[in-house]
Amino acid sequence: MRRFFLVEDSPFFEIINFNLAAGATFPVHIHDLDGQRSILVIEGEGFFLGADGAEMTAGTGDMLISEIREPHGVRAVSDMRIVVTIAPPI
């Protein structure tokens, strides 16, 4: 399975599917842009990551919505599939 692939890319939003192996981490990072982002867990278990070591349990069906500028990351405990929507696209 590919690690990630672009599902939709339009002038208004972008949708990306990410497949994370158990133990994989997207380190906490920011984008210096205005807009919003959502992260939807399609399957698996892990954590949404934030500033100052913040963690929030993330499992199948959970969604995180925030400003693109807010620090964010993901850590997979089991194999995990997430769908990220970014508006406007970056």
PDB file of N, CA and C in Angstrom:
ATOM      1  N   MET A   1       0.849  -1.174   0.000  1.00  0.00           N
ATOM      2  CA  MET A   1       0.000   0.000   0.000  1.00  0.00           C
ATOM      3  C   MET A   1       0.899   1.244   0.000  1.00  0.00           C
ATOM      4  N   ARG A   2       0.539   2.217  -0.833  1.00  0.00           N
ATOM      5  CA  ARG A   2       1.318   3.459  -0.877  1.00  0.00           C
ATOM      6  C   ARG A   2       1.181   4.222   0.440  1.00  0.00           C
ATOM      7  N   ARG A   3       2.263   4.911   0.823  1.00  0.00           N
ATOM      8  CA  ARG A   3       2.255   5.660   2.075  1.00  0.00           C
ATOM      9  C   ARG A   3       1.251   6.802   2.044  1.00  0.00           C
ATOM     10  N   PHE A   4       1.150   7.497   0.904  1.00  0.00           N
ATOM     11  CA  PHE A   4       0.138   8.554   0.788  1.00  0.00           C
ATOM     12  C   PHE A   4      -0.212   8.746  -0.676  1.00  0.00           C
ATOM     13  N   PHE A   5      -1.397   9.285  -0.906  1.00  0.00           N
ATOM     14  CA  PHE A   5      -1.780   9.650  -2.256  1.00  0.00           C
ATOM     15  C   PHE A   5      -2.824  10.753  -2.201  1.00  0.00           C
ATOM     16  N   LEU A   6      -2.780  11.587  -3.221  1.00  0.00           N
ATOM     17  CA  LEU A   6      -3.697  12.709  -3.344  1.00  0.00           C
ATOM     18  C   LEU A   6      -5.042  12.194  -3.841  1.00  0.00           C
ATOM     19  N   VAL A   7      -6.098  12.479  -3.097  1.00  0.00           N
ATOM     20  CA  VAL A   7      -7.444  12.053  -3.469  1.00  0.00           C
ATOM     21  C   VAL A   7      -8.122  13.117  -4.319  1.00  0.00           C
ATOM     22  N   GLU A   8      -7.967  14.374  -3.914  1.00  0.00           N
ATOM     23  CA  GLU A   8      -8.611  15.499  -4.624  1.00  0.00           C
ATOM     24  C   GLU A   8      -7.729  16.724  -4.499  1.00  0.00           C
ATOM     25  N   ASP A   9      -7.591  17.454  -5.581  1.00  0.00           N
ATOM     26  CA  ASP A   9      -6.831  18.698  -5.589  1.00  0.00           C
ATOM     27  C   ASP A   9      -7.598  19.691  -6.445  1.00  0.00           C
ATOM     28  N   SER A  10      -8.203  20.673  -5.782  1.00  0.00           N
ATOM     29  CA  SER A  10      -8.965  21.688  -6.498  1.00  0.00           C
ATOM     30  C   SER A  10      -8.519  23.053  -5.999  1.00  0.00           C
ATOM     31  N   PRO A  11      -9.007  24.125  -6.607  1.00  0.00           N
ATOM     32  CA  PRO A  11      -8.644  25.461  -6.117  1.00  0.00           C
ATOM     33  C   PRO A  11      -9.184  25.743  -4.712  1.00  0.00           C
ATOM     34  N   PHE A  12     -10.125  24.918  -4.227  1.00  0.00           N
ATOM     35  CA  PHE A  12     -10.800  25.191  -2.963  1.00  0.00           C
ATOM     36  C   PHE A  12     -10.341  24.314  -1.808  1.00  0.00           C
ATOM     37  N   PHE A  13      -9.947  23.074  -2.092  1.00  0.00           N
ATOM     38  CA  PHE A  13      -9.484  22.189  -1.031  1.00  0.00           C
ATOM     39  C   PHE A  13      -8.642  21.060  -1.611  1.00  0.00           C
ATOM     40  N   GLU A  14      -7.943  20.391  -0.695  1.00  0.00           N
ATOM     41  CA  GLU A  14      -7.088  19.273  -1.058  1.00  0.00           C
ATOM     42  C   GLU A  14      -7.389  18.138  -0.076  1.00  0.00           C
ATOM     43  N   ILE A  15      -7.480  16.912  -0.565  1.00  0.00           N
ATOM     44  CA  ILE A  15      -7.699  15.752   0.291  1.00  0.00           C
ATOM     45  C   ILE A  15      -6.564  14.766   0.033  1.00  0.00           C
ATOM     46  N   ILE A  16      -5.921  14.335   1.123  1.00  0.00           N
ATOM     47  CA  ILE A  16      -4.801  13.411   1.013  1.00  0.00           C
ATOM     48  C   ILE A  16      -5.049  12.219   1.925  1.00  0.00           C
ATOM     49  N   ASN A  17      -4.829  11.014   1.409  1.00  0.00           N
ATOM     50  CA  ASN A  17      -4.918   9.781   2.190  1.00  0.00           C
ATOM     51  C   ASN A  17      -3.497   9.410   2.634  1.00  0.00           C
ATOM     52  N   PHE A  18      -3.310   9.186   3.928  1.00  0.00           N
ATOM     53  CA  PHE A  18      -2.021   8.741   4.465  1.00  0.00           C
ATOM     54  C   PHE A  18      -2.191   7.366   5.094  1.00  0.00           C
ATOM     55  N   ASN A  19      -1.269   6.462   4.796  1.00  0.00           N
ATOM     56  CA  ASN A  19      -1.234   5.130   5.401  1.00  0.00           C
ATOM     57  C   ASN A  19       0.015   5.067   6.269  1.00  0.00           C
ATOM     58  N   LEU A  20      -0.192   4.953   7.577  1.00  0.00           N
ATOM     59  CA  LEU A  20       0.918   4.956   8.521  1.00  0.00           C
ATOM     60  C   LEU A  20       1.100   3.569   9.115  1.00  0.00           C
ATOM     61  N   ALA A  21       2.308   3.063   9.120  1.00  0.00           N
ATOM     62  CA  ALA A  21       2.605   1.794   9.775  1.00  0.00           C
ATOM     63  C   ALA A  21       2.634   2.009  11.284  1.00  0.00           C
ATOM     64  N   ALA A  22       2.336   0.956  12.038  1.00  0.00           N
ATOM     65  CA  ALA A  22       2.398   1.028  13.496  1.00  0.00           C
ATOM     66  C   ALA A  22       3.756   1.586  13.909  1.00  0.00           C
ATOM     67  N   GLY A  23       3.749   2.575  14.803  1.00  0.00           N
ATOM     68  CA  GLY A  23       4.976   3.198  15.277  1.00  0.00           C
ATOM     69  C   GLY A  23       5.417   4.412  14.486  1.00  0.00           C
ATOM     70  N   ALA A  24       4.804   4.658  13.340  1.00  0.00           N
ATOM     71  CA  ALA A  24       5.173   5.824  12.523  1.00  0.00           C
ATOM     72  C   ALA A  24       4.661   7.111  13.166  1.00  0.00           C
ATOM     73  N   THR A  25       5.413   8.190  12.973  1.00  0.00           N
ATOM     74  CA  THR A  25       5.019   9.495  13.513  1.00  0.00           C
ATOM     75  C   THR A  25       5.203  10.568  12.463  1.00  0.00           C
ATOM     76  N   PHE A  26       4.170  11.406  12.302  1.00  0.00           N
ATOM     77  CA  PHE A  26       4.321  12.677  11.594  1.00  0.00           C
ATOM     78  C   PHE A  26       4.643  13.668  12.699  1.00  0.00           C
ATOM     79  N   PRO A  27       5.849  14.184  12.757  1.00  0.00           N
ATOM     80  CA  PRO A  27       6.209  15.099  13.841  1.00  0.00           C
ATOM     81  C   PRO A  27       5.317  16.339  13.840  1.00  0.00           C
ATOM     82  N   VAL A  28       5.189  16.938  15.003  1.00  0.00           N
ATOM     83  CA  VAL A  28       4.407  18.166  15.136  1.00  0.00           C
ATOM     84  C   VAL A  28       5.051  19.240  14.257  1.00  0.00           C
ATOM     85  N   HIS A  29       4.213  19.918  13.474  1.00  0.00           N
ATOM     86  CA  HIS A  29       4.683  20.962  12.570  1.00  0.00           C
ATOM     87  C   HIS A  29       3.563  21.970  12.353  1.00  0.00           C
ATOM     88  N   ILE A  30       3.877  23.066  11.676  1.00  0.00           N
ATOM     89  CA  ILE A  30       2.877  24.085  11.345  1.00  0.00           C
ATOM     90  C   ILE A  30       3.050  24.474   9.880  1.00  0.00           C
ATOM     91  N   HIS A  31       2.026  25.116   9.352  1.00  0.00           N
ATOM     92  CA  HIS A  31       2.066  25.702   8.019  1.00  0.00           C
ATOM     93  C   HIS A  31       1.764  27.181   8.203  1.00  0.00           C
ATOM     94  N   ASP A  32       2.587  28.039   7.650  1.00  0.00           N
ATOM     95  CA  ASP A  32       2.428  29.482   7.815  1.00  0.00           C
ATOM     96  C   ASP A  32       1.415  30.005   6.792  1.00  0.00           C
ATOM     97  N   LEU A  33       0.180  29.541   6.931  1.00  0.00           N
ATOM     98  CA  LEU A  33      -0.905  29.896   6.014  1.00  0.00           C
ATOM     99  C   LEU A  33      -2.206  30.039   6.782  1.00  0.00           C
ATOM    100  N   ASP A  34      -3.132  30.784   6.205  1.00  0.00           N
ATOM    101  CA  ASP A  34      -4.478  30.850   6.762  1.00  0.00           C
ATOM    102  C   ASP A  34      -5.315  29.747   6.137  1.00  0.00           C
ATOM    103  N   GLY A  35      -6.229  29.209   6.902  1.00  0.00           N
ATOM    104  CA  GLY A  35      -7.120  28.171   6.413  1.00  0.00           C
ATOM    105  C   GLY A  35      -7.385  27.152   7.505  1.00  0.00           C
ATOM    106  N   GLN A  36      -8.071  26.083   7.135  1.00  0.00           N
ATOM    107  CA  GLN A  36      -8.398  25.039   8.094  1.00  0.00           C
ATOM    108  C   GLN A  36      -8.007  23.679   7.559  1.00  0.00           C
ATOM    109  N   ARG A  37      -7.887  22.743   8.510  1.00  0.00           N
ATOM    110  CA  ARG A  37      -7.503  21.394   8.175  1.00  0.00           C
ATOM    111  C   ARG A  37      -8.290  20.432   9.045  1.00  0.00           C
ATOM    112  N   SER A  38      -8.643  19.287   8.464  1.00  0.00           N
ATOM    113  CA  SER A  38      -9.242  18.217   9.256  1.00  0.00           C
ATOM    114  C   SER A  38      -8.418  16.952   9.054  1.00  0.00           C
ATOM    115  N   ILE A  39      -8.371  16.147  10.108  1.00  0.00           N
ATOM    116  CA  ILE A  39      -7.714  14.844  10.048  1.00  0.00           C
ATOM    117  C   ILE A  39      -8.737  13.828  10.523  1.00  0.00           C
ATOM    118  N   LEU A  40      -9.134  12.909   9.639  1.00  0.00           N
ATOM    119  CA  LEU A  40     -10.120  11.880   9.949  1.00  0.00           C
ATOM    120  C   LEU A  40      -9.420  10.527   9.985  1.00  0.00           C
ATOM    121  N   VAL A  41      -9.593   9.793  11.081  1.00  0.00           N
ATOM    122  CA  VAL A  41      -9.030   8.450  11.192  1.00  0.00           C
ATOM    123  C   VAL A  41     -10.017   7.468  10.547  1.00  0.00           C
ATOM    124  N   ILE A  42      -9.599   6.873   9.428  1.00  0.00           N
ATOM    125  CA  ILE A  42     -10.427   5.897   8.717  1.00  0.00           C
ATOM    126  C   ILE A  42     -10.317   4.528   9.387  1.00  0.00           C
ATOM    127  N   GLU A  43      -9.101   4.168   9.793  1.00  0.00           N
ATOM    128  CA  GLU A  43      -8.918   2.927  10.549  1.00  0.00           C
ATOM    129  C   GLU A  43      -7.633   3.005  11.351  1.00  0.00           C
ATOM    130  N   GLY A  44      -7.605   2.279  12.446  1.00  0.00           N
ATOM    131  CA  GLY A  44      -6.422   2.210  13.285  1.00  0.00           C
ATOM    132  C   GLY A  44      -6.541   3.037  14.549  1.00  0.00           C
ATOM    133  N   GLU A  45      -5.460   3.006  15.326  1.00  0.00           N
ATOM    134  CA  GLU A  45      -5.403   3.702  16.607  1.00  0.00           C
ATOM    135  C   GLU A  45      -4.093   4.461  16.713  1.00  0.00           C
ATOM    136  N   GLY A  46      -4.153   5.614  17.378  1.00  0.00           N
ATOM    137  CA  GLY A  46      -2.947   6.402  17.581  1.00  0.00           C
ATOM    138  C   GLY A  46      -3.262   7.647  18.372  1.00  0.00           C
ATOM    139  N   PHE A  47      -2.534   8.712  18.064  1.00  0.00           N
ATOM    140  CA  PHE A  47      -2.705   9.980  18.772  1.00  0.00           C
ATOM    141  C   PHE A  47      -2.604  11.139  17.792  1.00  0.00           C
ATOM    142  N   PHE A  48      -3.459  12.164  18.006  1.00  0.00           N
ATOM    143  CA  PHE A  48      -3.263  13.455  17.391  1.00  0.00           C
ATOM    144  C   PHE A  48      -2.253  14.164  18.288  1.00  0.00           C
ATOM    145  N   LEU A  49      -1.276  14.833  17.704  1.00  0.00           N
ATOM    146  CA  LEU A  49      -0.237  15.511  18.466  1.00  0.00           C
ATOM    147  C   LEU A  49      -0.361  17.016  18.311  1.00  0.00           C
ATOM    148  N   GLY A  50       0.021  17.767  19.361  1.00  0.00           N
ATOM    149  CA  GLY A  50      -0.055  19.217  19.316  1.00  0.00           C
ATOM    150  C   GLY A  50       1.142  19.859  19.987  1.00  0.00           C
ATOM    151  N   ALA A  51       1.026  21.144  20.215  1.00  0.00           N
ATOM    152  CA  ALA A  51       2.110  21.929  20.818  1.00  0.00           C
ATOM    153  C   ALA A  51       2.399  21.465  22.237  1.00  0.00           C
ATOM    154  N   ASP A  52       3.635  21.667  22.666  1.00  0.00           N
ATOM    155  CA  ASP A  52       4.055  21.403  24.049  1.00  0.00           C
ATOM    156  C   ASP A  52       3.786  19.973  24.496  1.00  0.00           C
ATOM    157  N   GLY A  53       3.918  19.013  23.580  1.00  0.00           N
ATOM    158  CA  GLY A  53       3.751  17.604  23.929  1.00  0.00           C
ATOM    159  C   GLY A  53       2.313  17.141  24.092  1.00  0.00           C
ATOM    160  N   ALA A  54       1.345  17.975  23.702  1.00  0.00           N
ATOM    161  CA  ALA A  54      -0.065  17.595  23.832  1.00  0.00           C
ATOM    162  C   ALA A  54      -0.376  16.374  22.959  1.00  0.00           C
ATOM    163  N   GLU A  55      -1.168  15.453  23.499  1.00  0.00           N
ATOM    164  CA  GLU A  55      -1.611  14.262  22.768  1.00  0.00           C
ATOM    165  C   GLU A  55      -3.096  14.051  23.019  1.00  0.00           C
ATOM    166  N   MET A  56      -3.792  13.592  21.995  1.00  0.00           N
ATOM    167  CA  MET A  56      -5.205  13.264  22.111  1.00  0.00           C
ATOM    168  C   MET A  56      -5.411  11.911  21.431  1.00  0.00           C
ATOM    169  N   THR A  57      -6.044  10.982  22.125  1.00  0.00           N
ATOM    170  CA  THR A  57      -6.301   9.673  21.552  1.00  0.00           C
ATOM    171  C   THR A  57      -7.051   9.815  20.238  1.00  0.00           C
ATOM    172  N   ALA A  58      -6.655   9.034  19.242  1.00  0.00           N
ATOM    173  CA  ALA A  58      -7.276   9.075  17.912  1.00  0.00           C
ATOM    174  C   ALA A  58      -7.539   7.647  17.458  1.00  0.00           C
ATOM    175  N   GLY A  59      -8.803   7.335  17.231  1.00  0.00           N
ATOM    176  CA  GLY A  59      -9.177   6.008  16.759  1.00  0.00           C
ATOM    177  C   GLY A  59     -10.143   6.103  15.597  1.00  0.00           C
ATOM    178  N   THR A  60     -10.481   4.963  15.052  1.00  0.00           N
ATOM    179  CA  THR A  60     -11.376   4.903  13.900  1.00  0.00           C
ATOM    180  C   THR A  60     -12.604   5.780  14.108  1.00  0.00           C
ATOM    181  N   GLY A  61     -12.835   6.681  13.154  1.00  0.00           N
ATOM    182  CA  GLY A  61     -13.986   7.578  13.195  1.00  0.00           C
ATOM    183  C   GLY A  61     -13.722   8.915  13.862  1.00  0.00           C
ATOM    184  N   ASP A  62     -12.599   9.067  14.558  1.00  0.00           N
ATOM    185  CA  ASP A  62     -12.287  10.340  15.220  1.00  0.00           C
ATOM    186  C   ASP A  62     -11.791  11.357  14.197  1.00  0.00           C
ATOM    187  N   MET A  63     -12.136  12.635  14.445  1.00  0.00           N
ATOM    188  CA  MET A  63     -11.732  13.709  13.549  1.00  0.00           C
ATOM    189  C   MET A  63     -11.227  14.884  14.368  1.00  0.00           C
ATOM    190  N   LEU A  64     -10.137  15.475  13.902  1.00  0.00           N
ATOM    191  CA  LEU A  64      -9.585  16.692  14.486  1.00  0.00           C
ATOM    192  C   LEU A  64      -9.719  17.795  13.447  1.00  0.00           C
ATOM    193  N   ILE A  65     -10.287  18.932  13.850  1.00  0.00           N
ATOM    194  CA  ILE A  65     -10.437  20.080  12.957  1.00  0.00           C
ATOM    195  C   ILE A  65      -9.750  21.269  13.629  1.00  0.00           C
ATOM    196  N   SER A  66      -8.896  21.964  12.879  1.00  0.00           N
ATOM    197  CA  SER A  66      -8.215  23.119  13.454  1.00  0.00           C
ATOM    198  C   SER A  66      -7.707  24.029  12.352  1.00  0.00           C
ATOM    199  N   GLU A  67      -7.166  25.154  12.778  1.00  0.00           N
ATOM    200  CA  GLU A  67      -6.539  26.082  11.852  1.00  0.00           C
ATOM    201  C   GLU A  67      -5.241  25.454  11.343  1.00  0.00           C
ATOM    202  N   ILE A  68      -4.891  25.731  10.089  1.00  0.00           N
ATOM    203  CA  ILE A  68      -3.664  25.178   9.517  1.00  0.00           C
ATOM    204  C   ILE A  68      -2.445  25.646  10.314  1.00  0.00           C
ATOM    205  N   ARG A  69      -2.487  26.858  10.854  1.00  0.00           N
ATOM    206  CA  ARG A  69      -1.351  27.412  11.603  1.00  0.00           C
ATOM    207  C   ARG A  69      -1.105  26.717  12.940  1.00  0.00           C
ATOM    208  N   GLU A  70      -2.097  25.996  13.463  1.00  0.00           N
ATOM    209  CA  GLU A  70      -1.927  25.334  14.757  1.00  0.00           C
ATOM    210  C   GLU A  70      -0.979  24.147  14.627  1.00  0.00           C
ATOM    211  N   PRO A  71      -0.069  23.978  15.588  1.00  0.00           N
ATOM    212  CA  PRO A  71       0.834  22.827  15.547  1.00  0.00           C
ATOM    213  C   PRO A  71       0.042  21.521  15.536  1.00  0.00           C
ATOM    214  N   HIS A  72       0.471  20.586  14.682  1.00  0.00           N
ATOM    215  CA  HIS A  72      -0.246  19.318  14.562  1.00  0.00           C
ATOM    216  C   HIS A  72       0.688  18.210  14.096  1.00  0.00           C
ATOM    217  N   GLY A  73       0.335  16.997  14.449  1.00  0.00           N
ATOM    218  CA  GLY A  73       1.068  15.810  14.042  1.00  0.00           C
ATOM    219  C   GLY A  73       0.232  14.584  14.379  1.00  0.00           C
ATOM    220  N   VAL A  74       0.706  13.409  14.007  1.00  0.00           N
ATOM    221  CA  VAL A  74      -0.006  12.156  14.264  1.00  0.00           C
ATOM    222  C   VAL A  74       1.023  11.077  14.594  1.00  0.00           C
ATOM    223  N   ARG A  75       0.699  10.238  15.577  1.00  0.00           N
ATOM    224  CA  ARG A  75       1.517   9.068  15.877  1.00  0.00           C
ATOM    225  C   ARG A  75       0.622   7.835  15.824  1.00  0.00           C
ATOM    226  N   ALA A  76       1.023   6.844  15.048  1.00  0.00           N
ATOM    227  CA  ALA A  76       0.250   5.613  14.890  1.00  0.00           C
ATOM    228  C   ALA A  76       0.693   4.575  15.913  1.00  0.00           C
ATOM    229  N   VAL A  77      -0.250   4.017  16.646  1.00  0.00           N
ATOM    230  CA  VAL A  77       0.035   2.915  17.562  1.00  0.00           C
ATOM    231  C   VAL A  77      -0.112   1.604  16.795  1.00  0.00           C
ATOM    232  N   SER A  78      -1.189   1.488  16.026  1.00  0.00           N
ATOM    233  CA  SER A  78      -1.381   0.358  15.115  1.00  0.00           C
ATOM    234  C   SER A  78      -1.270   0.904  13.690  1.00  0.00           C
ATOM    235  N   ASP A  79      -1.310   0.031  12.693  1.00  0.00           N
ATOM    236  CA  ASP A  79      -1.388   0.539  11.322  1.00  0.00           C
ATOM    237  C   ASP A  79      -2.588   1.482  11.276  1.00  0.00           C
ATOM    238  N   MET A  80      -2.418   2.592  10.601  1.00  0.00           N
ATOM    239  CA  MET A  80      -3.423   3.658  10.660  1.00  0.00           C
ATOM    240  C   MET A  80      -3.608   4.257   9.277  1.00  0.00           C
ATOM    241  N   ARG A  81      -4.856   4.521   8.929  1.00  0.00           N
ATOM    242  CA  ARG A  81      -5.172   5.221   7.690  1.00  0.00           C
ATOM    243  C   ARG A  81      -5.907   6.493   8.062  1.00  0.00           C
ATOM    244  N   ILE A  82      -5.365   7.643   7.622  1.00  0.00           N
ATOM    245  CA  ILE A  82      -6.009   8.929   7.908  1.00  0.00           C
ATOM    246  C   ILE A  82      -6.255   9.669   6.604  1.00  0.00           C
ATOM    247  N   VAL A  83      -7.302  10.488   6.609  1.00  0.00           N
ATOM    248  CA  VAL A  83      -7.603  11.346   5.468  1.00  0.00           C
ATOM    249  C   VAL A  83      -7.539  12.788   5.959  1.00  0.00           C
ATOM    250  N   VAL A  84      -6.691  13.574   5.299  1.00  0.00           N
ATOM    251  CA  VAL A  84      -6.471  14.974   5.673  1.00  0.00           C
ATOM    252  C   VAL A  84      -7.103  15.859   4.612  1.00  0.00           C
ATOM    253  N   THR A  85      -7.932  16.801   5.044  1.00  0.00           N
ATOM    254  CA  THR A  85      -8.534  17.785   4.147  1.00  0.00           C
ATOM    255  C   THR A  85      -7.960  19.151   4.512  1.00  0.00           C
ATOM    256  N   ILE A  86      -7.503  19.891   3.519  1.00  0.00           N
ATOM    257  CA  ILE A  86      -6.895  21.195   3.723  1.00  0.00           C
ATOM    258  C   ILE A  86      -7.624  22.207   2.836  1.00  0.00           C
ATOM    259  N   ALA A  87      -8.089  23.297   3.458  1.00  0.00           N
ATOM    260  CA  ALA A  87      -8.797  24.319   2.692  1.00  0.00           C
ATOM    261  C   ALA A  87      -8.331  25.704   3.150  1.00  0.00           C
ATOM    262  N   PRO A  88      -7.835  26.528   2.265  1.00  0.00           N
ATOM    263  CA  PRO A  88      -7.551  26.226   0.861  1.00  0.00           C
ATOM    264  C   PRO A  88      -6.336  25.318   0.758  1.00  0.00           C
ATOM    265  N   PRO A  89      -6.115  24.695  -0.402  1.00  0.00           N
ATOM    266  CA  PRO A  89      -5.004  23.754  -0.541  1.00  0.00           C
ATOM    267  C   PRO A  89      -3.654  24.436  -0.360  1.00  0.00           C
ATOM    268  N   ILE A  90      -2.678  23.667   0.102  1.00  0.00           N
ATOM    269  CA  ILE A  90      -1.322  24.221   0.294  1.00  0.00           C
ATOM    270  C   ILE A  90      -0.377  23.648  -0.740  1.00  0.00           C
TER     271      ILE A  90
END
